[in-house]
Amino acid sequence: MVAGVPLGLASGSSFLSDTGPKLPVTFVPVGSAKTWLDPKLSEAGINMVMVTVYLQVEVRLQVIIPFATDQTVVTTSIPITNSLVVGEVPDYLYNNPLGKPEVPRMQVEPQAK
């Protein structure tokens, strides 16, 4: 793949980044691409989980410009699918920040003598 990059971009100045003639830049893949699946889980409510599966792609490229060359790794994440997994709905929701169950105590009435 060949692209053109303005000569001013090589100066590192944002003011000159779009000036000058276009230098040819070539991207050459080095080796093969690595891919793997990366599932991500996120909370979606009470007893529901959103599962999203991403395809991770990593490619090692050699960037060739006049008078220089450099290798770089380009990684991208592509979402493939997502699914909402719904669990059973509980009869009650226990949400005590102290972590202790709140058990009501029985009231004992004083007995008459």
PDB file of N, CA and C in Angstrom:
ATOM      1  N   MET A   1       0.843  -1.172   0.000  1.00  0.00           N
ATOM      2  CA  MET A   1       0.000   0.000   0.000  1.00  0.00           C
ATOM      3  C   MET A   1       0.889   1.235   0.000  1.00  0.00           C
ATOM      4  N   VAL A   2       0.590   2.172  -0.876  1.00  0.00           N
ATOM      5  CA  VAL A   2       1.363   3.409  -0.979  1.00  0.00           C
ATOM      6  C   VAL A   2       0.441   4.575  -0.653  1.00  0.00           C
ATOM      7  N   ALA A   3       0.927   5.486   0.181  1.00  0.00           N
ATOM      8  CA  ALA A   3       0.165   6.684   0.551  1.00  0.00           C
ATOM      9  C   ALA A   3       1.079   7.888   0.429  1.00  0.00           C
ATOM     10  N   GLY A   4       0.495   9.073   0.391  1.00  0.00           N
ATOM     11  CA  GLY A   4       1.273  10.305   0.326  1.00  0.00           C
ATOM     12  C   GLY A   4       1.154  11.078   1.626  1.00  0.00           C
ATOM     13  N   VAL A   5       2.294  11.518   2.159  1.00  0.00           N
ATOM     14  CA  VAL A   5       2.322  12.280   3.403  1.00  0.00           C
ATOM     15  C   VAL A   5       2.995  13.615   3.105  1.00  0.00           C
ATOM     16  N   PRO A   6       2.400  14.749   3.541  1.00  0.00           N
ATOM     17  CA  PRO A   6       3.021  16.059   3.287  1.00  0.00           C
ATOM     18  C   PRO A   6       4.393  16.159   3.954  1.00  0.00           C
ATOM     19  N   LEU A   7       5.326  16.833   3.294  1.00  0.00           N
ATOM     20  CA  LEU A   7       6.680  16.994   3.801  1.00  0.00           C
ATOM     21  C   LEU A   7       6.693  17.761   5.126  1.00  0.00           C
ATOM     22  N   GLY A   8       5.765  18.693   5.321  1.00  0.00           N
ATOM     23  CA  GLY A   8       5.697  19.462   6.559  1.00  0.00           C
ATOM     24  C   GLY A   8       5.379  18.599   7.774  1.00  0.00           C
ATOM     25  N   LEU A   9       4.737  17.444   7.575  1.00  0.00           N
ATOM     26  CA  LEU A   9       4.430  16.545   8.677  1.00  0.00           C
ATOM     27  C   LEU A   9       5.698  15.965   9.293  1.00  0.00           C
ATOM     28  N   ALA A  10       6.732  15.815   8.481  1.00  0.00           N
ATOM     29  CA  ALA A  10       8.006  15.284   8.980  1.00  0.00           C
ATOM     30  C   ALA A  10       8.706  16.265   9.912  1.00  0.00           C
ATOM     31  N   SER A  11       8.350  17.549   9.853  1.00  0.00           N
ATOM     32  CA  SER A  11       8.994  18.539  10.717  1.00  0.00           C
ATOM     33  C   SER A  11       8.528  18.438  12.165  1.00  0.00           C
ATOM     34  N   GLY A  12       7.379  17.818  12.399  1.00  0.00           N
ATOM     35  CA  GLY A  12       6.858  17.690  13.755  1.00  0.00           C
ATOM     36  C   GLY A  12       6.067  18.902  14.209  1.00  0.00           C
ATOM     37  N   SER A  13       5.937  19.902  13.378  1.00  0.00           N
ATOM     38  CA  SER A  13       5.202  21.115  13.715  1.00  0.00           C
ATOM     39  C   SER A  13       3.762  20.990  13.228  1.00  0.00           C
ATOM     40  N   SER A  14       2.808  21.271  14.112  1.00  0.00           N
ATOM     41  CA  SER A  14       1.406  21.201  13.702  1.00  0.00           C
ATOM     42  C   SER A  14       1.057  22.337  12.731  1.00  0.00           C
ATOM     43  N   PHE A  15       1.793  23.431  12.790  1.00  0.00           N
ATOM     44  CA  PHE A  15       1.551  24.566  11.903  1.00  0.00           C
ATOM     45  C   PHE A  15       1.911  24.212  10.455  1.00  0.00           C
ATOM     46  N   LEU A  16       2.989  23.445  10.263  1.00  0.00           N
ATOM     47  CA  LEU A  16       3.450  23.092   8.920  1.00  0.00           C
ATOM     48  C   LEU A  16       3.003  21.701   8.466  1.00  0.00           C
ATOM     49  N   SER A  17       2.164  21.027   9.251  1.00  0.00           N
ATOM     50  CA  SER A  17       1.870  19.619   8.986  1.00  0.00           C
ATOM     51  C   SER A  17       1.160  19.358   7.663  1.00  0.00           C
ATOM     52  N   ASP A  18       0.503  20.340   7.086  1.00  0.00           N
ATOM     53  CA  ASP A  18      -0.230  20.105   5.837  1.00  0.00           C
ATOM     54  C   ASP A  18       0.410  20.837   4.659  1.00  0.00           C
ATOM     55  N   THR A  19       1.693  21.189   4.773  1.00  0.00           N
ATOM     56  CA  THR A  19       2.340  21.935   3.698  1.00  0.00           C
ATOM     57  C   THR A  19       3.424  21.092   3.036  1.00  0.00           C
ATOM     58  N   GLY A  20       3.791  21.511   1.844  1.00  0.00           N
ATOM     59  CA  GLY A  20       4.880  20.852   1.133  1.00  0.00           C
ATOM     60  C   GLY A  20       4.399  19.762   0.202  1.00  0.00           C
ATOM     61  N   PRO A  21       5.328  19.252  -0.602  1.00  0.00           N
ATOM     62  CA  PRO A  21       4.964  18.173  -1.532  1.00  0.00           C
ATOM     63  C   PRO A  21       4.699  16.874  -0.757  1.00  0.00           C
ATOM     64  N   LYS A  22       3.972  15.995  -1.388  1.00  0.00           N
ATOM     65  CA  LYS A  22       3.628  14.715  -0.773  1.00  0.00           C
ATOM     66  C   LYS A  22       4.776  13.723  -0.973  1.00  0.00           C
ATOM     67  N   LEU A  23       5.226  13.133   0.132  1.00  0.00           N
ATOM     68  CA  LEU A  23       6.252  12.087   0.076  1.00  0.00           C
ATOM     69  C   LEU A  23       5.570  10.730  -0.007  1.00  0.00           C
ATOM     70  N   PRO A  24       6.076   9.853  -0.870  1.00  0.00           N
ATOM     71  CA  PRO A  24       5.462   8.523  -0.931  1.00  0.00           C
ATOM     72  C   PRO A  24       5.849   7.698   0.294  1.00  0.00           C
ATOM     73  N   VAL A  25       4.853   7.077   0.910  1.00  0.00           N
ATOM     74  CA  VAL A  25       5.063   6.206   2.060  1.00  0.00           C
ATOM     75  C   VAL A  25       4.495   4.847   1.703  1.00  0.00           C
ATOM     76  N   THR A  26       5.295   3.802   1.913  1.00  0.00           N
ATOM     77  CA  THR A  26       4.877   2.439   1.591  1.00  0.00           C
ATOM     78  C   THR A  26       4.757   1.650   2.885  1.00  0.00           C
ATOM     79  N   PHE A  27       3.661   0.892   3.021  1.00  0.00           N
ATOM     80  CA  PHE A  27       3.445   0.010   4.158  1.00  0.00           C
ATOM     81  C   PHE A  27       3.585  -1.422   3.671  1.00  0.00           C
ATOM     82  N   VAL A  28       4.538  -2.156   4.234  1.00  0.00           N
ATOM     83  CA  VAL A  28       4.783  -3.534   3.824  1.00  0.00           C
ATOM     84  C   VAL A  28       4.568  -4.436   5.032  1.00  0.00           C
ATOM     85  N   PRO A  29       3.671  -5.430   4.933  1.00  0.00           N
ATOM     86  CA  PRO A  29       3.498  -6.338   6.070  1.00  0.00           C
ATOM     87  C   PRO A  29       4.739  -7.190   6.273  1.00  0.00           C
ATOM     88  N   VAL A  30       5.162  -7.341   7.531  1.00  0.00           N
ATOM     89  CA  VAL A  30       6.312  -8.159   7.880  1.00  0.00           C
ATOM     90  C   VAL A  30       5.773  -9.342   8.678  1.00  0.00           C
ATOM     91  N   GLY A  31       5.890 -10.526   8.117  1.00  0.00           N
ATOM     92  CA  GLY A  31       5.351 -11.700   8.807  1.00  0.00           C
ATOM     93  C   GLY A  31       3.855 -11.818   8.577  1.00  0.00           C
ATOM     94  N   SER A  32       3.195 -12.557   9.454  1.00  0.00           N
ATOM     95  CA  SER A  32       1.761 -12.781   9.297  1.00  0.00           C
ATOM     96  C   SER A  32       0.994 -12.053  10.390  1.00  0.00           C
ATOM     97  N   ALA A  33      -0.290 -11.882  10.146  1.00  0.00           N
ATOM     98  CA  ALA A  33      -1.147 -11.222  11.124  1.00  0.00           C
ATOM     99  C   ALA A  33      -1.525 -12.211  12.216  1.00  0.00           C
ATOM    100  N   LYS A  34      -1.613 -11.722  13.440  1.00  0.00           N
ATOM    101  CA  LYS A  34      -2.064 -12.545  14.564  1.00  0.00           C
ATOM    102  C   LYS A  34      -3.482 -12.125  14.909  1.00  0.00           C
ATOM    103  N   THR A  35      -4.351 -13.088  15.116  1.00  0.00           N
ATOM    104  CA  THR A  35      -5.727 -12.801  15.498  1.00  0.00           C
ATOM    105  C   THR A  35      -6.119 -13.676  16.681  1.00  0.00           C
ATOM    106  N   TRP A  36      -6.989 -13.134  17.532  1.00  0.00           N
ATOM    107  CA  TRP A  36      -7.544 -13.919  18.628  1.00  0.00           C
ATOM    108  C   TRP A  36      -8.861 -13.291  19.054  1.00  0.00           C
ATOM    109  N   LEU A  37      -9.693 -14.111  19.687  1.00  0.00           N
ATOM    110  CA  LEU A  37     -10.981 -13.642  20.188  1.00  0.00           C
ATOM    111  C   LEU A  37     -10.818 -13.158  21.619  1.00  0.00           C
ATOM    112  N   ASP A  38     -11.489 -12.069  21.953  1.00  0.00           N
ATOM    113  CA  ASP A  38     -11.398 -11.481  23.276  1.00  0.00           C
ATOM    114  C   ASP A  38     -12.806 -11.179  23.792  1.00  0.00           C
ATOM    115  N   PRO A  39     -13.386 -12.078  24.620  1.00  0.00           N
ATOM    116  CA  PRO A  39     -14.724 -11.796  25.146  1.00  0.00           C
ATOM    117  C   PRO A  39     -14.662 -10.819  26.315  1.00  0.00           C
ATOM    118  N   LYS A  40     -15.584  -9.893  26.361  1.00  0.00           N
ATOM    119  CA  LYS A  40     -15.684  -8.920  27.447  1.00  0.00           C
ATOM    120  C   LYS A  40     -17.065  -9.055  28.080  1.00  0.00           C
ATOM    121  N   LEU A  41     -17.109  -9.033  29.422  1.00  0.00           N
ATOM    122  CA  LEU A  41     -18.363  -9.119  30.161  1.00  0.00           C
ATOM    123  C   LEU A  41     -18.630  -7.784  30.833  1.00  0.00           C
ATOM    124  N   SER A  42     -19.891  -7.343  30.803  1.00  0.00           N
ATOM    125  CA  SER A  42     -20.257  -6.114  31.497  1.00  0.00           C
ATOM    126  C   SER A  42     -21.629  -6.297  32.130  1.00  0.00           C
ATOM    127  N   GLU A  43     -21.814  -5.636  33.266  1.00  0.00           N
ATOM    128  CA  GLU A  43     -23.065  -5.737  34.001  1.00  0.00           C
ATOM    129  C   GLU A  43     -24.160  -5.006  33.243  1.00  0.00           C
ATOM    130  N   ALA A  44     -25.353  -5.639  33.170  1.00  0.00           N
ATOM    131  CA  ALA A  44     -26.448  -5.025  32.427  1.00  0.00           C
ATOM    132  C   ALA A  44     -27.731  -4.983  33.255  1.00  0.00           C
ATOM    133  N   GLY A  45     -27.629  -5.156  34.548  1.00  0.00           N
ATOM    134  CA  GLY A  45     -28.812  -5.129  35.404  1.00  0.00           C
ATOM    135  C   GLY A  45     -28.755  -6.273  36.396  1.00  0.00           C
ATOM    136  N   ILE A  46     -29.878  -6.481  37.097  1.00  0.00           N
ATOM    137  CA  ILE A  46     -29.935  -7.560  38.076  1.00  0.00           C
ATOM    138  C   ILE A  46     -29.975  -8.891  37.340  1.00  0.00           C
ATOM    139  N   ASN A  47     -28.971  -9.730  37.586  1.00  0.00           N
ATOM    140  CA  ASN A  47     -28.847 -11.059  36.983  1.00  0.00           C
ATOM    141  C   ASN A  47     -28.834 -11.021  35.454  1.00  0.00           C
ATOM    142  N   MET A  48     -28.244  -9.973  34.875  1.00  0.00           N
ATOM    143  CA  MET A  48     -28.071  -9.902  33.424  1.00  0.00           C
ATOM    144  C   MET A  48     -26.633  -9.493  33.129  1.00  0.00           C
ATOM    145  N   VAL A  49     -26.063 -10.107  32.109  1.00  0.00           N
ATOM    146  CA  VAL A  49     -24.689  -9.823  31.711  1.00  0.00           C
ATOM    147  C   VAL A  49     -24.665  -9.602  30.198  1.00  0.00           C
ATOM    148  N   MET A  50     -23.982  -8.540  29.769  1.00  0.00           N
ATOM    149  CA  MET A  50     -23.785  -8.296  28.338  1.00  0.00           C
ATOM    150  C   MET A  50     -22.432  -8.880  27.960  1.00  0.00           C
ATOM    151  N   VAL A  51     -22.439  -9.838  27.037  1.00  0.00           N
ATOM    152  CA  VAL A  51     -21.218 -10.479  26.560  1.00  0.00           C
ATOM    153  C   VAL A  51     -20.940  -9.947  25.160  1.00  0.00           C
ATOM    154  N   THR A  52     -19.773  -9.328  24.983  1.00  0.00           N
ATOM    155  CA  THR A  52     -19.359  -8.819  23.677  1.00  0.00           C
ATOM    156  C   THR A  52     -18.067  -9.530  23.281  1.00  0.00           C
ATOM    157  N   VAL A  53     -18.038 -10.071  22.073  1.00  0.00           N
ATOM    158  CA  VAL A  53     -16.858 -10.773  21.582  1.00  0.00           C
ATOM    159  C   VAL A  53     -16.163  -9.879  20.556  1.00  0.00           C
ATOM    160  N   TYR A  54     -14.867  -9.621  20.803  1.00  0.00           N
ATOM    161  CA  TYR A  54     -14.056  -8.791  19.910  1.00  0.00           C
ATOM    162  C   TYR A  54     -13.042  -9.665  19.178  1.00  0.00           C
ATOM    163  N   LEU A  55     -12.768  -9.341  17.932  1.00  0.00           N
ATOM    164  CA  LEU A  55     -11.681  -9.955  17.179  1.00  0.00           C
ATOM    165  C   LEU A  55     -10.497  -9.005  17.262  1.00  0.00           C
ATOM    166  N   GLN A  56      -9.435  -9.446  17.914  1.00  0.00           N
ATOM    167  CA  GLN A  56      -8.221  -8.646  18.033  1.00  0.00           C
ATOM    168  C   GLN A  56      -7.295  -9.005  16.864  1.00  0.00           C
ATOM    169  N   VAL A  57      -6.814  -8.017  16.149  1.00  0.00           N
ATOM    170  CA  VAL A  57      -5.924  -8.228  15.003  1.00  0.00           C
ATOM    171  C   VAL A  57      -4.643  -7.444  15.257  1.00  0.00           C
ATOM    172  N   GLU A  58      -3.508  -8.130  15.153  1.00  0.00           N
ATOM    173  CA  GLU A  58      -2.201  -7.486  15.336  1.00  0.00           C
ATOM    174  C   GLU A  58      -1.352  -7.752  14.099  1.00  0.00           C
ATOM    175  N   VAL A  59      -0.859  -6.692  13.489  1.00  0.00           N
ATOM    176  CA  VAL A  59      -0.051  -6.799  12.268  1.00  0.00           C
ATOM    177  C   VAL A  59       1.246  -6.026  12.478  1.00  0.00           C
ATOM    178  N   ARG A  60       2.352  -6.638  12.125  1.00  0.00           N
ATOM    179  CA  ARG A  60       3.652  -5.947  12.163  1.00  0.00           C
ATOM    180  C   ARG A  60       3.911  -5.411  10.763  1.00  0.00           C
ATOM    181  N   LEU A  61       4.071  -4.084  10.673  1.00  0.00           N
ATOM    182  CA  LEU A  61       4.278  -3.415   9.388  1.00  0.00           C
ATOM    183  C   LEU A  61       5.650  -2.774   9.345  1.00  0.00           C
ATOM    184  N   GLN A  62       6.188  -2.705   8.134  1.00  0.00           N
ATOM    185  CA  GLN A  62       7.406  -1.949   7.908  1.00  0.00           C
ATOM    186  C   GLN A  62       7.011  -0.717   7.109  1.00  0.00           C
ATOM    187  N   VAL A  63       7.274   0.452   7.670  1.00  0.00           N
ATOM    188  CA  VAL A  63       6.939   1.714   7.024  1.00  0.00           C
ATOM    189  C   VAL A  63       8.188   2.202   6.304  1.00  0.00           C
ATOM    190  N   ILE A  64       8.052   2.410   4.992  1.00  0.00           N
ATOM    191  CA  ILE A  64       9.196   2.825   4.170  1.00  0.00           C
ATOM    192  C   ILE A  64       8.902   4.206   3.595  1.00  0.00           C
ATOM    193  N   ILE A  65       9.747   5.182   3.961  1.00  0.00           N
ATOM    194  CA  ILE A  65       9.691   6.513   3.375  1.00  0.00           C
ATOM    195  C   ILE A  65      11.069   6.785   2.775  1.00  0.00           C
ATOM    196  N   PRO A  66      11.179   7.770   1.906  1.00  0.00           N
ATOM    197  CA  PRO A  66      12.501   8.045   1.333  1.00  0.00           C
ATOM    198  C   PRO A  66      13.537   8.316   2.434  1.00  0.00           C
ATOM    199  N   PHE A  67      14.660   7.657   2.347  1.00  0.00           N
ATOM    200  CA  PHE A  67      15.814   7.791   3.237  1.00  0.00           C
ATOM    201  C   PHE A  67      15.583   7.213   4.641  1.00  0.00           C
ATOM    202  N   ALA A  68      14.495   6.499   4.888  1.00  0.00           N
ATOM    203  CA  ALA A  68      14.272   5.927   6.225  1.00  0.00           C
ATOM    204  C   ALA A  68      13.306   4.749   6.141  1.00  0.00           C
ATOM    205  N   THR A  69      13.374   3.884   7.135  1.00  0.00           N
ATOM    206  CA  THR A  69      12.443   2.767   7.274  1.00  0.00           C
ATOM    207  C   THR A  69      12.281   2.464   8.756  1.00  0.00           C
ATOM    208  N   ASP A  70      11.126   1.979   9.117  1.00  0.00           N
ATOM    209  CA  ASP A  70      10.852   1.680  10.522  1.00  0.00           C
ATOM    210  C   ASP A  70       9.793   0.594  10.592  1.00  0.00           C
ATOM    211  N   GLN A  71       9.873  -0.241  11.626  1.00  0.00           N
ATOM    212  CA  GLN A  71       8.866  -1.268  11.849  1.00  0.00           C
ATOM    213  C   GLN A  71       7.954  -0.829  12.985  1.00  0.00           C
ATOM    214  N   THR A  72       6.679  -1.135  12.849  1.00  0.00           N
ATOM    215  CA  THR A  72       5.706  -0.796  13.878  1.00  0.00           C
ATOM    216  C   THR A  72       4.658  -1.894  13.963  1.00  0.00           C
ATOM    217  N   VAL A  73       3.999  -1.975  15.104  1.00  0.00           N
ATOM    218  CA  VAL A  73       2.932  -2.953  15.313  1.00  0.00           C
ATOM    219  C   VAL A  73       1.611  -2.195  15.363  1.00  0.00           C
ATOM    220  N   VAL A  74       0.659  -2.636  14.546  1.00  0.00           N
ATOM    221  CA  VAL A  74      -0.667  -2.033  14.506  1.00  0.00           C
ATOM    222  C   VAL A  74      -1.650  -3.054  15.058  1.00  0.00           C
ATOM    223  N   THR A  75      -2.400  -2.655  16.086  1.00  0.00           N
ATOM    224  CA  THR A  75      -3.387  -3.538  16.704  1.00  0.00           C
ATOM    225  C   THR A  75      -4.746  -2.872  16.636  1.00  0.00           C
ATOM    226  N   THR A  76      -5.764  -3.646  16.281  1.00  0.00           N
ATOM    227  CA  THR A  76      -7.124  -3.118  16.242  1.00  0.00           C
ATOM    228  C   THR A  76      -8.072  -4.131  16.857  1.00  0.00           C
ATOM    229  N   SER A  77      -9.183  -3.628  17.350  1.00  0.00           N
ATOM    230  CA  SER A  77     -10.202  -4.450  18.001  1.00  0.00           C
ATOM    231  C   SER A  77     -11.506  -4.271  17.245  1.00  0.00           C
ATOM    232  N   ILE A  78     -12.057  -5.374  16.738  1.00  0.00           N
ATOM    233  CA  ILE A  78     -13.275  -5.322  15.927  1.00  0.00           C
ATOM    234  C   ILE A  78     -14.380  -6.078  16.661  1.00  0.00           C
ATOM    235  N   PRO A  79     -15.480  -5.398  17.052  1.00  0.00           N
ATOM    236  CA  PRO A  79     -16.563  -6.134  17.704  1.00  0.00           C
ATOM    237  C   PRO A  79     -17.276  -7.042  16.703  1.00  0.00           C
ATOM    238  N   ILE A  80     -17.442  -8.301  17.092  1.00  0.00           N
ATOM    239  CA  ILE A  80     -18.079  -9.276  16.199  1.00  0.00           C
ATOM    240  C   ILE A  80     -19.545  -9.472  16.564  1.00  0.00           C
ATOM    241  N   THR A  81     -19.806  -9.716  17.840  1.00  0.00           N
ATOM    242  CA  THR A  81     -21.174  -9.969  18.268  1.00  0.00           C
ATOM    243  C   THR A  81     -21.325  -9.594  19.731  1.00  0.00           C
ATOM    244  N   ASN A  82     -22.569  -9.388  20.132  1.00  0.00           N
ATOM    245  CA  ASN A  82     -22.854  -9.215  21.551  1.00  0.00           C
ATOM    246  C   ASN A  82     -24.172  -9.904  21.862  1.00  0.00           C
ATOM    247  N   SER A  83     -24.292 -10.320  23.116  1.00  0.00           N
ATOM    248  CA  SER A  83     -25.473 -11.053  23.532  1.00  0.00           C
ATOM    249  C   SER A  83     -25.780 -10.708  24.975  1.00  0.00           C
ATOM    250  N   LEU A  84     -27.067 -10.600  25.279  1.00  0.00           N
ATOM    251  CA  LEU A  84     -27.509 -10.341  26.637  1.00  0.00           C
ATOM    252  C   LEU A  84     -27.896 -11.679  27.251  1.00  0.00           C
ATOM    253  N   VAL A  85     -27.199 -12.058  28.317  1.00  0.00           N
ATOM    254  CA  VAL A  85     -27.475 -13.314  29.003  1.00  0.00           C
ATOM    255  C   VAL A  85     -28.301 -12.981  30.238  1.00  0.00           C
ATOM    256  N   VAL A  86     -29.529 -13.528  30.289  1.00  0.00           N
ATOM    257  CA  VAL A  86     -30.454 -13.235  31.374  1.00  0.00           C
ATOM    258  C   VAL A  86     -30.498 -14.439  32.306  1.00  0.00           C
ATOM    259  N   GLY A  87     -30.280 -14.181  33.597  1.00  0.00           N
ATOM    260  CA  GLY A  87     -30.350 -15.234  34.596  1.00  0.00           C
ATOM    261  C   GLY A  87     -31.729 -15.273  35.238  1.00  0.00           C
ATOM    262  N   GLU A  88     -31.863 -16.126  36.258  1.00  0.00           N
ATOM    263  CA  GLU A  88     -33.134 -16.217  36.968  1.00  0.00           C
ATOM    264  C   GLU A  88     -33.350 -14.957  37.805  1.00  0.00           C
ATOM    265  N   VAL A  89     -34.597 -14.531  37.906  1.00  0.00           N
ATOM    266  CA  VAL A  89     -34.932 -13.351  38.692  1.00  0.00           C
ATOM    267  C   VAL A  89     -35.118 -13.791  40.142  1.00  0.00           C
ATOM    268  N   PRO A  90     -34.420 -13.155  41.071  1.00  0.00           N
ATOM    269  CA  PRO A  90     -34.548 -13.569  42.475  1.00  0.00           C
ATOM    270  C   PRO A  90     -35.881 -13.113  43.077  1.00  0.00           C
ATOM    271  N   ASP A  91     -36.286 -13.790  44.166  1.00  0.00           N
ATOM    272  CA  ASP A  91     -37.501 -13.400  44.871  1.00  0.00           C
ATOM    273  C   ASP A  91     -37.300 -12.093  45.635  1.00  0.00           C
ATOM    274  N   TYR A  92     -36.075 -11.826  46.042  1.00  0.00           N
ATOM    275  CA  TYR A  92     -35.769 -10.603  46.764  1.00  0.00           C
ATOM    276  C   TYR A  92     -34.371 -10.143  46.388  1.00  0.00           C
ATOM    277  N   LEU A  93     -34.058  -8.872  46.655  1.00  0.00           N
ATOM    278  CA  LEU A  93     -32.743  -8.306  46.380  1.00  0.00           C
ATOM    279  C   LEU A  93     -32.102  -7.931  47.700  1.00  0.00           C
ATOM    280  N   TYR A  94     -30.953  -8.505  47.993  1.00  0.00           N
ATOM    281  CA  TYR A  94     -30.228  -8.214  49.221  1.00  0.00           C
ATOM    282  C   TYR A  94     -29.066  -7.305  48.872  1.00  0.00           C
ATOM    283  N   ASN A  95     -29.092  -6.081  49.375  1.00  0.00           N
ATOM    284  CA  ASN A  95     -28.045  -5.117  49.077  1.00  0.00           C
ATOM    285  C   ASN A  95     -27.688  -4.362  50.350  1.00  0.00           C
ATOM    286  N   ASN A  96     -26.944  -5.010  51.243  1.00  0.00           N
ATOM    287  CA  ASN A  96     -26.528  -4.397  52.494  1.00  0.00           C
ATOM    288  C   ASN A  96     -25.051  -4.061  52.386  1.00  0.00           C
ATOM    289  N   PRO A  97     -24.664  -2.783  52.475  1.00  0.00           N
ATOM    290  CA  PRO A  97     -23.249  -2.428  52.318  1.00  0.00           C
ATOM    291  C   PRO A  97     -22.358  -3.004  53.412  1.00  0.00           C
ATOM    292  N   LEU A  98     -22.932  -3.350  54.574  1.00  0.00           N
ATOM    293  CA  LEU A  98     -22.130  -3.928  55.651  1.00  0.00           C
ATOM    294  C   LEU A  98     -21.859  -5.415  55.430  1.00  0.00           C
ATOM    295  N   GLY A  99     -22.630  -6.038  54.572  1.00  0.00           N
ATOM    296  CA  GLY A  99     -22.425  -7.449  54.279  1.00  0.00           C
ATOM    297  C   GLY A  99     -23.046  -8.382  55.289  1.00  0.00           C
ATOM    298  N   LYS A 100     -23.767  -7.840  56.263  1.00  0.00           N
ATOM    299  CA  LYS A 100     -24.391  -8.670  57.284  1.00  0.00           C
ATOM    300  C   LYS A 100     -25.882  -8.791  56.987  1.00  0.00           C
ATOM    301  N   PRO A 101     -26.422  -9.968  57.160  1.00  0.00           N
ATOM    302  CA  PRO A 101     -27.861 -10.093  56.937  1.00  0.00           C
ATOM    303  C   PRO A 101     -28.644  -9.391  58.041  1.00  0.00           C
ATOM    304  N   GLU A 102     -29.700  -8.781  57.650  1.00  0.00           N
ATOM    305  CA  GLU A 102     -30.552  -8.110  58.622  1.00  0.00           C
ATOM    306  C   GLU A 102     -31.657  -9.078  59.013  1.00  0.00           C
ATOM    307  N   VAL A 103     -31.517  -9.657  60.194  1.00  0.00           N
ATOM    308  CA  VAL A 103     -32.505 -10.618  60.683  1.00  0.00           C
ATOM    309  C   VAL A 103     -33.355  -9.895  61.725  1.00  0.00           C
ATOM    310  N   PRO A 104     -34.644  -9.848  61.519  1.00  0.00           N
ATOM    311  CA  PRO A 104     -35.480  -9.174  62.510  1.00  0.00           C
ATOM    312  C   PRO A 104     -35.497  -9.977  63.812  1.00  0.00           C
ATOM    313  N   ARG A 105     -35.440  -9.258  64.924  1.00  0.00           N
ATOM    314  CA  ARG A 105     -35.491  -9.906  66.224  1.00  0.00           C
ATOM    315  C   ARG A 105     -36.937 -10.016  66.679  1.00  0.00           C
ATOM    316  N   MET A 106     -37.205 -11.105  67.308  1.00  0.00           N
ATOM    317  CA  MET A 106     -38.561 -11.305  67.829  1.00  0.00           C
ATOM    318  C   MET A 106     -38.736 -10.464  69.085  1.00  0.00           C
ATOM    319  N   GLN A 107     -39.851  -9.822  69.198  1.00  0.00           N
ATOM    320  CA  GLN A 107     -40.159  -9.026  70.367  1.00  0.00           C
ATOM    321  C   GLN A 107     -40.764  -9.946  71.413  1.00  0.00           C
ATOM    322  N   VAL A 108     -40.149  -9.973  72.573  1.00  0.00           N
ATOM    323  CA  VAL A 108     -40.638 -10.809  73.660  1.00  0.00           C
ATOM    324  C   VAL A 108     -41.452  -9.914  74.581  1.00  0.00           C
ATOM    325  N   GLU A 109     -42.706 -10.281  74.789  1.00  0.00           N
ATOM    326  CA  GLU A 109     -43.570  -9.499  75.670  1.00  0.00           C
ATOM    327  C   GLU A 109     -43.344  -9.956  77.109  1.00  0.00           C
ATOM    328  N   PRO A 110     -43.290  -9.010  78.014  1.00  0.00           N
ATOM    329  CA  PRO A 110     -43.117  -9.415  79.425  1.00  0.00           C
ATOM    330  C   PRO A 110     -44.328 -10.229  79.900  1.00  0.00           C
ATOM    331  N   GLN A 111     -44.031 -11.261  80.652  1.00  0.00           N
ATOM    332  CA  GLN A 111     -45.102 -12.133  81.150  1.00  0.00           C
ATOM    333  C   GLN A 111     -45.654 -11.583  82.461  1.00  0.00           C
ATOM    334  N   ALA A 112     -46.922 -11.725  82.638  1.00  0.00           N
ATOM    335  CA  ALA A 112     -47.559 -11.264  83.885  1.00  0.00           C
ATOM    336  C   ALA A 112     -47.318 -12.316  84.975  1.00  0.00           C
ATOM    337  N   LYS A 113     -47.041 -11.876  86.200  1.00  0.00           N
ATOM    338  CA  LYS A 113     -46.787 -12.795  87.307  1.00  0.00           C
ATOM    339  C   LYS A 113     -48.013 -13.077  88.072  1.00  0.00           C
TER     340      LYS A 113
END
